[in-house]
Amino acid sequence: MGLGRTVFRLLFLGTFSALLVALAIRLLDEIAGRRRREAQVTARNLERAHEVADAYESELIELERTVLPGISIRS
């Protein structure tokens, strides 16, 4: 009986410690402001996002022009 009770106490202590550590980390994250939950959308940010999207679209490789060694696209 003594061994089972000791194991139970150790499991409880480990679980409780893990919860305390998780809560402390979450609290410190909130205080430090490292985790941003809201993004501030401005006209400049939106314009920059459109510019980046247009740049990616202009650099897309067409599949018909792609030549891959040993792979036939048309088959």
PDB file of N, CA and C in Angstrom:
ATOM      1  N   MET A   1       0.805  -1.198   0.000  1.00  0.00           N
ATOM      2  CA  MET A   1       0.000   0.000   0.000  1.00  0.00           C
ATOM      3  C   MET A   1       0.846   1.258   0.000  1.00  0.00           C
ATOM      4  N   GLY A   2       1.957   1.222   0.651  1.00  0.00           N
ATOM      5  CA  GLY A   2       2.794   2.403   0.757  1.00  0.00           C
ATOM      6  C   GLY A   2       3.382   2.840  -0.570  1.00  0.00           C
ATOM      7  N   LEU A   3       3.732   1.849  -1.418  1.00  0.00           N
ATOM      8  CA  LEU A   3       4.325   2.165  -2.716  1.00  0.00           C
ATOM      9  C   LEU A   3       3.306   2.820  -3.643  1.00  0.00           C
ATOM     10  N   GLY A   4       2.082   2.321  -3.645  1.00  0.00           N
ATOM     11  CA  GLY A   4       1.025   2.894  -4.478  1.00  0.00           C
ATOM     12  C   GLY A   4       0.718   4.329  -4.086  1.00  0.00           C
ATOM     13  N   ARG A   5       0.705   4.571  -2.798  1.00  0.00           N
ATOM     14  CA  ARG A   5       0.423   5.924  -2.309  1.00  0.00           C
ATOM     15  C   ARG A   5       1.560   6.888  -2.694  1.00  0.00           C
ATOM     16  N   THR A   6       2.792   6.397  -2.634  1.00  0.00           N
ATOM     17  CA  THR A   6       3.945   7.222  -3.006  1.00  0.00           C
ATOM     18  C   THR A   6       3.917   7.556  -4.494  1.00  0.00           C
ATOM     19  N   VAL A   7       3.590   6.560  -5.326  1.00  0.00           N
ATOM     20  CA  VAL A   7       3.492   6.791  -6.773  1.00  0.00           C
ATOM     21  C   VAL A   7       2.393   7.802  -7.067  1.00  0.00           C
ATOM     22  N   PHE A   8       1.265   7.669  -6.403  1.00  0.00           N
ATOM     23  CA  PHE A   8       0.169   8.615  -6.599  1.00  0.00           C
ATOM     24  C   PHE A   8       0.586  10.032  -6.220  1.00  0.00           C
ATOM     25  N   ARG A   9       1.282  10.172  -5.129  1.00  0.00           N
ATOM     26  CA  ARG A   9       1.750  11.493  -4.699  1.00  0.00           C
ATOM     27  C   ARG A   9       2.723  12.090  -5.714  1.00  0.00           C
ATOM     28  N   LEU A  10       3.630  11.251  -6.249  1.00  0.00           N
ATOM     29  CA  LEU A  10       4.587  11.746  -7.243  1.00  0.00           C
ATOM     30  C   LEU A  10       3.885  12.170  -8.532  1.00  0.00           C
ATOM     31  N   LEU A  11       2.899  11.394  -8.966  1.00  0.00           N
ATOM     32  CA  LEU A  11       2.129  11.764 -10.152  1.00  0.00           C
ATOM     33  C   LEU A  11       1.382  13.075  -9.932  1.00  0.00           C
ATOM     34  N   PHE A  12       0.768  13.207  -8.770  1.00  0.00           N
ATOM     35  CA  PHE A  12       0.044  14.435  -8.456  1.00  0.00           C
ATOM     36  C   PHE A  12       0.995  15.627  -8.418  1.00  0.00           C
ATOM     37  N   LEU A  13       2.140  15.459  -7.790  1.00  0.00           N
ATOM     38  CA  LEU A  13       3.121  16.541  -7.703  1.00  0.00           C
ATOM     39  C   LEU A  13       3.637  16.929  -9.084  1.00  0.00           C
ATOM     40  N   GLY A  14       3.899  15.942  -9.936  1.00  0.00           N
ATOM     41  CA  GLY A  14       4.362  16.220 -11.298  1.00  0.00           C
ATOM     42  C   GLY A  14       3.322  16.958 -12.121  1.00  0.00           C
ATOM     43  N   THR A  15       2.083  16.519 -12.012  1.00  0.00           N
ATOM     44  CA  THR A  15       0.991  17.173 -12.743  1.00  0.00           C
ATOM     45  C   THR A  15       0.803  18.611 -12.261  1.00  0.00           C
ATOM     46  N   PHE A  16       0.795  18.794 -10.981  1.00  0.00           N
ATOM     47  CA  PHE A  16       0.620  20.125 -10.401  1.00  0.00           C
ATOM     48  C   PHE A  16       1.767  21.059 -10.802  1.00  0.00           C
ATOM     49  N   SER A  17       2.982  20.543 -10.789  1.00  0.00           N
ATOM     50  CA  SER A  17       4.143  21.348 -11.185  1.00  0.00           C
ATOM     51  C   SER A  17       4.056  21.743 -12.651  1.00  0.00           C
ATOM     52  N   ALA A  18       3.648  20.808 -13.504  1.00  0.00           N
ATOM     53  CA  ALA A  18       3.524  21.106 -14.936  1.00  0.00           C
ATOM     54  C   ALA A  18       2.480  22.186 -15.170  1.00  0.00           C
ATOM     55  N   LEU A  19       1.370  22.117 -14.459  1.00  0.00           N
ATOM     56  CA  LEU A  19       0.335  23.144 -14.609  1.00  0.00           C
ATOM     57  C   LEU A  19       0.833  24.510 -14.145  1.00  0.00           C
ATOM     58  N   LEU A  20       1.539  24.540 -13.042  1.00  0.00           N
ATOM     59  CA  LEU A  20       2.080  25.814 -12.557  1.00  0.00           C
ATOM     60  C   LEU A  20       3.083  26.414 -13.545  1.00  0.00           C
ATOM     61  N   VAL A  21       3.935  25.593 -14.105  1.00  0.00           N
ATOM     62  CA  VAL A  21       4.914  26.079 -15.083  1.00  0.00           C
ATOM     63  C   VAL A  21       4.201  26.612 -16.323  1.00  0.00           C
ATOM     64  N   ALA A  22       3.180  25.885 -16.811  1.00  0.00           N
ATOM     65  CA  ALA A  22       2.440  26.324 -17.985  1.00  0.00           C
ATOM     66  C   ALA A  22       1.744  27.658 -17.735  1.00  0.00           C
ATOM     67  N   LEU A  23       1.135  27.811 -16.585  1.00  0.00           N
ATOM     68  CA  LEU A  23       0.466  29.075 -16.262  1.00  0.00           C
ATOM     69  C   LEU A  23       1.465  30.222 -16.112  1.00  0.00           C
ATOM     70  N   ALA A  24       2.610  29.956 -15.509  1.00  0.00           N
ATOM     71  CA  ALA A  24       3.626  30.989 -15.338  1.00  0.00           C
ATOM     72  C   ALA A  24       4.175  31.442 -16.694  1.00  0.00           C
ATOM     73  N   ILE A  25       4.396  30.511 -17.594  1.00  0.00           N
ATOM     74  CA  ILE A  25       4.895  30.871 -18.928  1.00  0.00           C
ATOM     75  C   ILE A  25       3.858  31.692 -19.672  1.00  0.00           C
ATOM     76  N   ARG A  26       2.605  31.290 -19.579  1.00  0.00           N
ATOM     77  CA  ARG A  26       1.542  32.046 -20.255  1.00  0.00           C
ATOM     78  C   ARG A  26       1.451  33.470 -19.701  1.00  0.00           C
ATOM     79  N   LEU A  27       1.551  33.604 -18.390  1.00  0.00           N
ATOM     80  CA  LEU A  27       1.489  34.913 -17.756  1.00  0.00           C
ATOM     81  C   LEU A  27       2.674  35.778 -18.185  1.00  0.00           C
ATOM     82  N   LEU A  28       3.855  35.207 -18.211  1.00  0.00           N
ATOM     83  CA  LEU A  28       5.033  35.970 -18.633  1.00  0.00           C
ATOM     84  C   LEU A  28       4.940  36.374 -20.098  1.00  0.00           C
ATOM     85  N   ASP A  29       4.391  35.512 -20.933  1.00  0.00           N
ATOM     86  CA  ASP A  29       4.193  35.855 -22.339  1.00  0.00           C
ATOM     87  C   ASP A  29       3.250  37.049 -22.479  1.00  0.00           C
ATOM     88  N   GLU A  30       2.189  37.035 -21.698  1.00  0.00           N
ATOM     89  CA  GLU A  30       1.229  38.131 -21.762  1.00  0.00           C
ATOM     90  C   GLU A  30       1.859  39.441 -21.266  1.00  0.00           C
ATOM     91  N   ILE A  31       2.625  39.356 -20.212  1.00  0.00           N
ATOM     92  CA  ILE A  31       3.260  40.555 -19.661  1.00  0.00           C
ATOM     93  C   ILE A  31       4.295  41.109 -20.624  1.00  0.00           C
ATOM     94  N   ALA A  32       5.098  40.240 -21.198  1.00  0.00           N
ATOM     95  CA  ALA A  32       6.163  40.682 -22.106  1.00  0.00           C
ATOM     96  C   ALA A  32       5.608  41.141 -23.446  1.00  0.00           C
ATOM     97  N   GLY A  33       4.391  40.735 -23.777  1.00  0.00           N
ATOM     98  CA  GLY A  33       3.787  41.160 -25.035  1.00  0.00           C
ATOM     99  C   GLY A  33       4.377  40.475 -26.244  1.00  0.00           C
ATOM    100  N   ARG A  34       4.951  39.322 -26.047  1.00  0.00           N
ATOM    101  CA  ARG A  34       5.572  38.623 -27.171  1.00  0.00           C
ATOM    102  C   ARG A  34       4.548  38.001 -28.092  1.00  0.00           C
ATOM    103  N   ARG A  35       3.454  37.602 -27.538  1.00  0.00           N
ATOM    104  CA  ARG A  35       2.437  36.950 -28.344  1.00  0.00           C
ATOM    105  C   ARG A  35       1.387  37.983 -28.726  1.00  0.00           C
ATOM    106  N   ARG A  36       1.323  38.309 -30.005  1.00  0.00           N
ATOM    107  CA  ARG A  36       0.354  39.302 -30.474  1.00  0.00           C
ATOM    108  C   ARG A  36      -0.883  38.576 -30.956  1.00  0.00           C
ATOM    109  N   ARG A  37      -1.997  38.898 -30.399  1.00  0.00           N
ATOM    110  CA  ARG A  37      -3.237  38.236 -30.776  1.00  0.00           C
ATOM    111  C   ARG A  37      -3.973  39.005 -31.883  1.00  0.00           C
ATOM    112  N   GLU A  38      -3.713  40.283 -31.998  1.00  0.00           N
ATOM    113  CA  GLU A  38      -4.390  41.085 -33.009  1.00  0.00           C
ATOM    114  C   GLU A  38      -3.352  41.708 -33.930  1.00  0.00           C
ATOM    115  N   ALA A  39      -3.636  41.680 -35.208  1.00  0.00           N
ATOM    116  CA  ALA A  39      -2.753  42.323 -36.179  1.00  0.00           C
ATOM    117  C   ALA A  39      -3.359  43.673 -36.535  1.00  0.00           C
ATOM    118  N   GLN A  40      -2.531  44.672 -36.568  1.00  0.00           N
ATOM    119  CA  GLN A  40      -3.005  45.992 -36.925  1.00  0.00           C
ATOM    120  C   GLN A  40      -2.888  46.160 -38.436  1.00  0.00           C
ATOM    121  N   VAL A  41      -4.035  46.251 -39.090  1.00  0.00           N
ATOM    122  CA  VAL A  41      -4.067  46.385 -40.542  1.00  0.00           C
ATOM    123  C   VAL A  41      -4.110  47.865 -40.882  1.00  0.00           C
ATOM    124  N   THR A  42      -3.097  48.299 -41.595  1.00  0.00           N
ATOM    125  CA  THR A  42      -3.056  49.680 -42.051  1.00  0.00           C
ATOM    126  C   THR A  42      -3.021  49.679 -43.572  1.00  0.00           C
ATOM    127  N   ALA A  43      -3.228  50.838 -44.143  1.00  0.00           N
ATOM    128  CA  ALA A  43      -3.208  50.951 -45.603  1.00  0.00           C
ATOM    129  C   ALA A  43      -1.831  50.575 -46.141  1.00  0.00           C
ATOM    130  N   ARG A  44      -0.785  50.942 -45.431  1.00  0.00           N
ATOM    131  CA  ARG A  44       0.573  50.624 -45.872  1.00  0.00           C
ATOM    132  C   ARG A  44       0.809  49.115 -45.854  1.00  0.00           C
ATOM    133  N   ASN A  45       0.361  48.456 -44.790  1.00  0.00           N
ATOM    134  CA  ASN A  45       0.525  47.004 -44.705  1.00  0.00           C
ATOM    135  C   ASN A  45      -0.267  46.291 -45.805  1.00  0.00           C
ATOM    136  N   LEU A  46      -1.474  46.766 -46.066  1.00  0.00           N
ATOM    137  CA  LEU A  46      -2.305  46.158 -47.087  1.00  0.00           C
ATOM    138  C   LEU A  46      -1.693  46.349 -48.475  1.00  0.00           C
ATOM    139  N   GLU A  47      -1.181  47.547 -48.715  1.00  0.00           N
ATOM    140  CA  GLU A  47      -0.542  47.823 -50.002  1.00  0.00           C
ATOM    141  C   GLU A  47       0.698  46.947 -50.187  1.00  0.00           C
ATOM    142  N   ARG A  48       1.477  46.802 -49.153  1.00  0.00           N
ATOM    143  CA  ARG A  48       2.680  45.963 -49.226  1.00  0.00           C
ATOM    144  C   ARG A  48       2.308  44.504 -49.470  1.00  0.00           C
ATOM    145  N   ALA A  49       1.244  44.027 -48.850  1.00  0.00           N
ATOM    146  CA  ALA A  49       0.799  42.649 -49.055  1.00  0.00           C
ATOM    147  C   ALA A  49       0.380  42.416 -50.495  1.00  0.00           C
ATOM    148  N   HIS A  50      -0.305  43.398 -51.090  1.00  0.00           N
ATOM    149  CA  HIS A  50      -0.694  43.280 -52.502  1.00  0.00           C
ATOM    150  C   HIS A  50       0.536  43.287 -53.409  1.00  0.00           C
ATOM    151  N   GLU A  51       1.528  44.110 -53.090  1.00  0.00           N
ATOM    152  CA  GLU A  51       2.749  44.143 -53.897  1.00  0.00           C
ATOM    153  C   GLU A  51       3.470  42.796 -53.856  1.00  0.00           C
ATOM    154  N   VAL A  52       3.557  42.223 -52.674  1.00  0.00           N
ATOM    155  CA  VAL A  52       4.231  40.919 -52.544  1.00  0.00           C
ATOM    156  C   VAL A  52       3.454  39.842 -53.289  1.00  0.00           C
ATOM    157  N   ALA A  53       2.129  39.850 -53.188  1.00  0.00           N
ATOM    158  CA  ALA A  53       1.310  38.862 -53.891  1.00  0.00           C
ATOM    159  C   ALA A  53       1.478  38.998 -55.395  1.00  0.00           C
ATOM    160  N   ASP A  54       1.515  40.232 -55.899  1.00  0.00           N
ATOM    161  CA  ASP A  54       1.715  40.450 -57.338  1.00  0.00           C
ATOM    162  C   ASP A  54       3.095  39.973 -57.780  1.00  0.00           C
ATOM    163  N   ALA A  55       4.107  40.181 -56.950  1.00  0.00           N
ATOM    164  CA  ALA A  55       5.456  39.733 -57.286  1.00  0.00           C
ATOM    165  C   ALA A  55       5.508  38.213 -57.374  1.00  0.00           C
ATOM    166  N   TYR A  56       4.852  37.532 -56.450  1.00  0.00           N
ATOM    167  CA  TYR A  56       4.832  36.069 -56.499  1.00  0.00           C
ATOM    168  C   TYR A  56       4.087  35.561 -57.724  1.00  0.00           C
ATOM    169  N   GLU A  57       2.985  36.210 -58.060  1.00  0.00           N
ATOM    170  CA  GLU A  57       2.214  35.786 -59.230  1.00  0.00           C
ATOM    171  C   GLU A  57       3.006  35.968 -60.508  1.00  0.00           C
ATOM    172  N   SER A  58       3.806  37.017 -60.598  1.00  0.00           N
ATOM    173  CA  SER A  58       4.574  37.261 -61.810  1.00  0.00           C
ATOM    174  C   SER A  58       5.730  36.284 -61.960  1.00  0.00           C
ATOM    175  N   GLU A  59       6.141  35.661 -60.863  1.00  0.00           N
ATOM    176  CA  GLU A  59       7.260  34.729 -60.914  1.00  0.00           C
ATOM    177  C   GLU A  59       6.838  33.269 -60.990  1.00  0.00           C
ATOM    178  N   LEU A  60       5.542  33.015 -61.103  1.00  0.00           N
ATOM    179  CA  LEU A  60       5.087  31.636 -61.193  1.00  0.00           C
ATOM    180  C   LEU A  60       5.585  30.999 -62.480  1.00  0.00           C
ATOM    181  N   ILE A  61       6.003  29.756 -62.400  1.00  0.00           N
ATOM    182  CA  ILE A  61       6.498  29.031 -63.561  1.00  0.00           C
ATOM    183  C   ILE A  61       5.334  28.276 -64.177  1.00  0.00           C
ATOM    184  N   GLU A  62       5.182  28.438 -65.487  1.00  0.00           N
ATOM    185  CA  GLU A  62       4.116  27.711 -66.155  1.00  0.00           C
ATOM    186  C   GLU A  62       4.532  26.259 -66.306  1.00  0.00           C
ATOM    187  N   LEU A  63       3.606  25.365 -66.079  1.00  0.00           N
ATOM    188  CA  LEU A  63       3.899  23.945 -66.110  1.00  0.00           C
ATOM    189  C   LEU A  63       4.272  23.482 -67.513  1.00  0.00           C
ATOM    190  N   GLU A  64       3.684  24.063 -68.544  1.00  0.00           N
ATOM    191  CA  GLU A  64       3.963  23.644 -69.912  1.00  0.00           C
ATOM    192  C   GLU A  64       5.401  23.969 -70.317  1.00  0.00           C
ATOM    193  N   ARG A  65       5.983  24.993 -69.768  1.00  0.00           N
ATOM    194  CA  ARG A  65       7.341  25.395 -70.128  1.00  0.00           C
ATOM    195  C   ARG A  65       8.407  24.705 -69.274  1.00  0.00           C
ATOM    196  N   THR A  66       7.977  24.031 -68.252  1.00  0.00           N
ATOM    197  CA  THR A  66       8.924  23.413 -67.338  1.00  0.00           C
ATOM    198  C   THR A  66       9.495  22.145 -67.965  1.00  0.00           C
ATOM    199  N   VAL A  67      10.793  22.003 -67.890  1.00  0.00           N
ATOM    200  CA  VAL A  67      11.456  20.802 -68.386  1.00  0.00           C
ATOM    201  C   VAL A  67      12.113  20.126 -67.191  1.00  0.00           C
ATOM    202  N   LEU A  68      11.633  18.941 -66.904  1.00  0.00           N
ATOM    203  CA  LEU A  68      12.179  18.177 -65.793  1.00  0.00           C
ATOM    204  C   LEU A  68      12.889  16.955 -66.354  1.00  0.00           C
ATOM    205  N   PRO A  69      14.101  16.698 -65.935  1.00  0.00           N
ATOM    206  CA  PRO A  69      14.834  15.555 -66.482  1.00  0.00           C
ATOM    207  C   PRO A  69      14.191  14.230 -66.103  1.00  0.00           C
ATOM    208  N   GLY A  70      13.904  13.424 -67.120  1.00  0.00           N
ATOM    209  CA  GLY A  70      13.362  12.105 -66.880  1.00  0.00           C
ATOM    210  C   GLY A  70      11.886  12.050 -66.602  1.00  0.00           C
ATOM    211  N   ILE A  71      11.209  13.178 -66.626  1.00  0.00           N
ATOM    212  CA  ILE A  71       9.760  13.206 -66.359  1.00  0.00           C
ATOM    213  C   ILE A  71       9.067  13.837 -67.548  1.00  0.00           C
ATOM    214  N   SER A  72       8.160  13.098 -68.128  1.00  0.00           N
ATOM    215  CA  SER A  72       7.382  13.623 -69.247  1.00  0.00           C
ATOM    216  C   SER A  72       6.062  14.156 -68.709  1.00  0.00           C
ATOM    217  N   ILE A  73       5.818  15.432 -68.950  1.00  0.00           N
ATOM    218  CA  ILE A  73       4.603  16.062 -68.430  1.00  0.00           C
ATOM    219  C   ILE A  73       3.385  15.631 -69.223  1.00  0.00           C
ATOM    220  N   ARG A  74       3.561  15.403 -70.486  1.00  0.00           N
ATOM    221  CA  ARG A  74       2.416  15.125 -71.355  1.00  0.00           C
ATOM    222  C   ARG A  74       1.939  13.686 -71.308  1.00  0.00           C
ATOM    223  N   SER A  75       2.630  12.824 -70.668  1.00  0.00           N
ATOM    224  CA  SER A  75       2.193  11.412 -70.654  1.00  0.00           C
ATOM    225  C   SER A  75       1.346  11.113 -69.447  1.00  0.00           C
TER     226      SER A  75
END
